[in-house]
Amino acid sequence: MIKVTRLNGTEYWLNPHIIETVEKTPDTTITLVSGKKLVVKEPPEEVLARITEYRKRLGIGEPVFTLPDVKGTMHTGQEQE
């Protein structure tokens, strides 16, 4: 699990395996595979760094990230097309 902070300051623990996209709109919006959206204080780069660290602790390597698309969305590389 990774810790993120809601805009109201509440800390939230999130399973990074269910994250589909992370985008800056201008707040950081995390979209889960269920379609649910979470808005957090951390910039997208920090969220991605926490996911990478989490995966390293599990011993499953670094996630594959692509460059942001035109809307600024950062994809985890695990989305279904």
N, C-alpha and C. Protein backbone atom coordinates (compact mmCIF):
# COMPACT_ATOMS: atom_id res chain seq x y z
N MET A 1 0.85 -1.18 0.00
CA MET A 1 0.00 0.00 0.00
C MET A 1 0.90 1.24 0.00
N ILE A 2 0.39 2.28 -0.64
CA ILE A 2 1.10 3.56 -0.62
C ILE A 2 0.21 4.59 0.07
N LYS A 3 0.85 5.54 0.72
CA LYS A 3 0.10 6.59 1.42
C LYS A 3 -0.01 7.81 0.53
N VAL A 4 -1.24 8.32 0.40
CA VAL A 4 -1.49 9.57 -0.30
C VAL A 4 -2.33 10.45 0.61
N THR A 5 -2.42 11.74 0.28
CA THR A 5 -3.13 12.68 1.13
C THR A 5 -4.26 13.33 0.33
N ARG A 6 -5.46 13.21 0.85
CA ARG A 6 -6.59 13.88 0.21
C ARG A 6 -6.43 15.39 0.35
N LEU A 7 -7.16 16.14 -0.44
CA LEU A 7 -7.03 17.60 -0.39
C LEU A 7 -7.40 18.18 0.97
N ASN A 8 -8.25 17.47 1.74
CA ASN A 8 -8.63 17.97 3.07
C ASN A 8 -7.60 17.61 4.15
N GLY A 9 -6.49 16.96 3.74
CA GLY A 9 -5.41 16.61 4.67
C GLY A 9 -5.49 15.22 5.23
N THR A 10 -6.55 14.48 4.95
CA THR A 10 -6.70 13.11 5.45
C THR A 10 -5.76 12.18 4.69
N GLU A 11 -5.00 11.38 5.43
CA GLU A 11 -4.12 10.39 4.80
C GLU A 11 -4.95 9.18 4.39
N TYR A 12 -4.58 8.61 3.28
CA TYR A 12 -5.33 7.52 2.67
C TYR A 12 -4.33 6.47 2.19
N TRP A 13 -4.58 5.21 2.49
CA TRP A 13 -3.71 4.12 2.02
C TRP A 13 -4.37 3.49 0.81
N LEU A 14 -3.59 3.33 -0.25
CA LEU A 14 -4.10 2.90 -1.53
C LEU A 14 -3.30 1.72 -2.07
N ASN A 15 -3.99 0.73 -2.59
CA ASN A 15 -3.34 -0.41 -3.23
C ASN A 15 -2.90 0.02 -4.63
N PRO A 16 -1.60 0.13 -4.90
CA PRO A 16 -1.16 0.62 -6.20
C PRO A 16 -1.45 -0.33 -7.36
N HIS A 17 -1.80 -1.57 -7.05
CA HIS A 17 -2.10 -2.53 -8.11
C HIS A 17 -3.44 -2.23 -8.79
N ILE A 18 -4.24 -1.36 -8.19
CA ILE A 18 -5.55 -1.05 -8.78
C ILE A 18 -5.58 0.34 -9.42
N ILE A 19 -4.40 0.96 -9.56
CA ILE A 19 -4.31 2.28 -10.20
C ILE A 19 -4.20 2.08 -11.71
N GLU A 20 -5.06 2.78 -12.44
CA GLU A 20 -4.99 2.72 -13.90
C GLU A 20 -4.20 3.91 -14.45
N THR A 21 -4.55 5.12 -14.00
CA THR A 21 -3.83 6.31 -14.47
C THR A 21 -3.64 7.30 -13.32
N VAL A 22 -2.63 8.17 -13.51
CA VAL A 22 -2.38 9.28 -12.59
C VAL A 22 -2.22 10.51 -13.48
N GLU A 23 -3.03 11.55 -13.23
CA GLU A 23 -2.94 12.73 -14.06
C GLU A 23 -3.00 14.01 -13.24
N LYS A 24 -2.47 15.06 -13.81
CA LYS A 24 -2.47 16.37 -13.16
C LYS A 24 -3.49 17.23 -13.90
N THR A 25 -4.54 17.67 -13.18
CA THR A 25 -5.67 18.34 -13.86
C THR A 25 -6.23 19.58 -13.16
N PRO A 26 -5.67 20.53 -12.56
CA PRO A 26 -4.29 20.66 -12.14
C PRO A 26 -3.96 19.87 -10.89
N ASP A 27 -4.99 19.47 -10.10
CA ASP A 27 -4.72 18.61 -8.95
C ASP A 27 -4.41 17.21 -9.46
N THR A 28 -3.71 16.43 -8.66
CA THR A 28 -3.39 15.07 -9.05
C THR A 28 -4.63 14.20 -8.88
N THR A 29 -5.05 13.58 -9.98
CA THR A 29 -6.22 12.71 -9.98
C THR A 29 -5.76 11.29 -10.29
N ILE A 30 -6.08 10.37 -9.39
CA ILE A 30 -5.76 8.96 -9.57
C ILE A 30 -7.04 8.26 -9.98
N THR A 31 -6.98 7.55 -11.12
CA THR A 31 -8.12 6.78 -11.58
C THR A 31 -7.82 5.30 -11.33
N LEU A 32 -8.75 4.63 -10.65
CA LEU A 32 -8.59 3.22 -10.35
C LEU A 32 -9.18 2.38 -11.47
N VAL A 33 -8.84 1.10 -11.52
CA VAL A 33 -9.36 0.23 -12.57
C VAL A 33 -10.88 0.13 -12.51
N SER A 34 -11.47 0.42 -11.37
CA SER A 34 -12.93 0.40 -11.21
C SER A 34 -13.59 1.63 -11.81
N GLY A 35 -12.77 2.64 -12.15
CA GLY A 35 -13.31 3.90 -12.66
C GLY A 35 -13.40 4.98 -11.59
N LYS A 36 -13.27 4.59 -10.32
CA LYS A 36 -13.31 5.56 -9.23
C LYS A 36 -12.11 6.50 -9.35
N LYS A 37 -12.33 7.78 -9.03
CA LYS A 37 -11.27 8.79 -9.10
C LYS A 37 -11.00 9.34 -7.70
N LEU A 38 -9.73 9.52 -7.40
CA LEU A 38 -9.28 10.09 -6.13
C LEU A 38 -8.43 11.31 -6.44
N VAL A 39 -8.67 12.41 -5.74
CA VAL A 39 -7.87 13.62 -5.92
C VAL A 39 -6.98 13.75 -4.68
N VAL A 40 -5.67 13.88 -4.93
CA VAL A 40 -4.70 13.90 -3.83
C VAL A 40 -3.77 15.11 -3.94
N LYS A 41 -3.12 15.43 -2.82
CA LYS A 41 -2.20 16.57 -2.76
C LYS A 41 -0.87 16.30 -3.46
N GLU A 42 -0.39 15.06 -3.42
CA GLU A 42 0.92 14.74 -3.96
C GLU A 42 0.96 14.94 -5.47
N PRO A 43 2.07 15.47 -5.99
CA PRO A 43 2.19 15.58 -7.45
C PRO A 43 2.30 14.19 -8.08
N PRO A 44 1.96 14.05 -9.35
CA PRO A 44 2.03 12.73 -10.00
C PRO A 44 3.39 12.06 -9.86
N GLU A 45 4.45 12.84 -9.96
CA GLU A 45 5.80 12.27 -9.86
C GLU A 45 6.02 11.60 -8.51
N GLU A 46 5.48 12.19 -7.44
CA GLU A 46 5.62 11.62 -6.10
C GLU A 46 4.81 10.33 -5.98
N VAL A 47 3.60 10.32 -6.54
CA VAL A 47 2.78 9.11 -6.51
C VAL A 47 3.52 7.98 -7.24
N LEU A 48 4.08 8.29 -8.41
CA LEU A 48 4.80 7.27 -9.17
C LEU A 48 6.05 6.79 -8.43
N ALA A 49 6.73 7.70 -7.74
CA ALA A 49 7.90 7.31 -6.95
C ALA A 49 7.49 6.37 -5.82
N ARG A 50 6.36 6.62 -5.18
CA ARG A 50 5.88 5.75 -4.11
C ARG A 50 5.48 4.38 -4.65
N ILE A 51 4.87 4.35 -5.85
CA ILE A 51 4.53 3.06 -6.45
C ILE A 51 5.81 2.27 -6.75
N THR A 52 6.80 2.95 -7.30
CA THR A 52 8.07 2.30 -7.62
C THR A 52 8.73 1.73 -6.37
N GLU A 53 8.77 2.52 -5.30
CA GLU A 53 9.37 2.06 -4.04
C GLU A 53 8.59 0.87 -3.48
N TYR A 54 7.28 0.92 -3.53
CA TYR A 54 6.44 -0.18 -3.06
C TYR A 54 6.76 -1.46 -3.83
N ARG A 55 6.84 -1.35 -5.15
CA ARG A 55 7.12 -2.53 -5.97
C ARG A 55 8.52 -3.08 -5.69
N LYS A 56 9.47 -2.21 -5.45
CA LYS A 56 10.83 -2.66 -5.11
C LYS A 56 10.82 -3.44 -3.80
N ARG A 57 10.05 -2.96 -2.81
CA ARG A 57 9.97 -3.67 -1.53
C ARG A 57 9.36 -5.05 -1.70
N LEU A 58 8.45 -5.19 -2.66
CA LEU A 58 7.83 -6.49 -2.93
C LEU A 58 8.73 -7.38 -3.77
N GLY A 59 9.76 -6.79 -4.36
CA GLY A 59 10.68 -7.55 -5.19
C GLY A 59 10.12 -7.85 -6.58
N ILE A 60 9.18 -7.02 -7.04
CA ILE A 60 8.60 -7.27 -8.36
C ILE A 60 9.08 -6.25 -9.39
N GLY A 61 10.11 -5.50 -9.05
CA GLY A 61 10.69 -4.58 -10.01
C GLY A 61 9.93 -3.29 -10.16
N GLU A 62 10.45 -2.48 -11.06
CA GLU A 62 9.85 -1.17 -11.29
C GLU A 62 8.72 -1.27 -12.30
N PRO A 63 7.66 -0.48 -12.09
CA PRO A 63 6.58 -0.47 -13.08
C PRO A 63 7.05 0.20 -14.36
N VAL A 64 6.38 -0.07 -15.44
CA VAL A 64 6.68 0.55 -16.71
C VAL A 64 5.80 1.78 -16.86
N PHE A 65 6.42 2.95 -17.01
CA PHE A 65 5.67 4.18 -17.18
C PHE A 65 5.95 4.74 -18.56
N THR A 66 4.94 5.34 -19.14
CA THR A 66 5.11 6.02 -20.40
C THR A 66 5.11 7.52 -20.15
N LEU A 67 5.52 8.26 -21.14
CA LEU A 67 5.50 9.71 -21.01
C LEU A 67 4.07 10.20 -20.95
N PRO A 68 3.83 11.33 -20.33
CA PRO A 68 2.46 11.87 -20.27
C PRO A 68 1.91 12.09 -21.66
N ASP A 69 0.62 11.83 -21.82
CA ASP A 69 -0.01 12.11 -23.11
C ASP A 69 -0.38 13.58 -23.18
N VAL A 70 -1.10 13.97 -24.17
CA VAL A 70 -1.41 15.37 -24.41
C VAL A 70 -2.12 16.01 -23.22
N LYS A 71 -2.96 15.24 -22.50
CA LYS A 71 -3.72 15.78 -21.37
C LYS A 71 -2.90 15.77 -20.08
N GLY A 72 -1.66 15.28 -20.12
CA GLY A 72 -0.84 15.22 -18.92
C GLY A 72 -1.03 13.95 -18.13
N THR A 73 -1.74 12.96 -18.69
CA THR A 73 -1.97 11.70 -17.99
C THR A 73 -0.72 10.84 -18.04
N MET A 74 -0.32 10.31 -16.89
CA MET A 74 0.80 9.38 -16.84
C MET A 74 0.22 7.98 -16.69
N HIS A 75 0.53 7.11 -17.61
CA HIS A 75 -0.02 5.76 -17.61
C HIS A 75 0.97 4.80 -16.97
N THR A 76 0.41 3.77 -16.29
CA THR A 76 1.26 2.81 -15.62
C THR A 76 1.78 1.73 -16.54
N GLY A 77 1.25 1.65 -17.75
CA GLY A 77 1.68 0.62 -18.68
C GLY A 77 0.95 -0.69 -18.45
N GLN A 78 0.01 -0.71 -17.50
CA GLN A 78 -0.73 -1.92 -17.18
C GLN A 78 -2.18 -1.83 -17.62
N GLU A 79 -2.55 -0.73 -18.30
CA GLU A 79 -3.92 -0.56 -18.73
C GLU A 79 -4.24 -1.55 -19.84
N GLN A 80 -5.49 -1.89 -19.92
CA GLN A 80 -5.94 -2.73 -21.02
C GLN A 80 -6.36 -1.82 -22.16
N GLU A 81 -5.98 -2.19 -23.36
CA GLU A 81 -6.33 -1.36 -24.52
C GLU A 81 -7.55 -1.89 -25.21
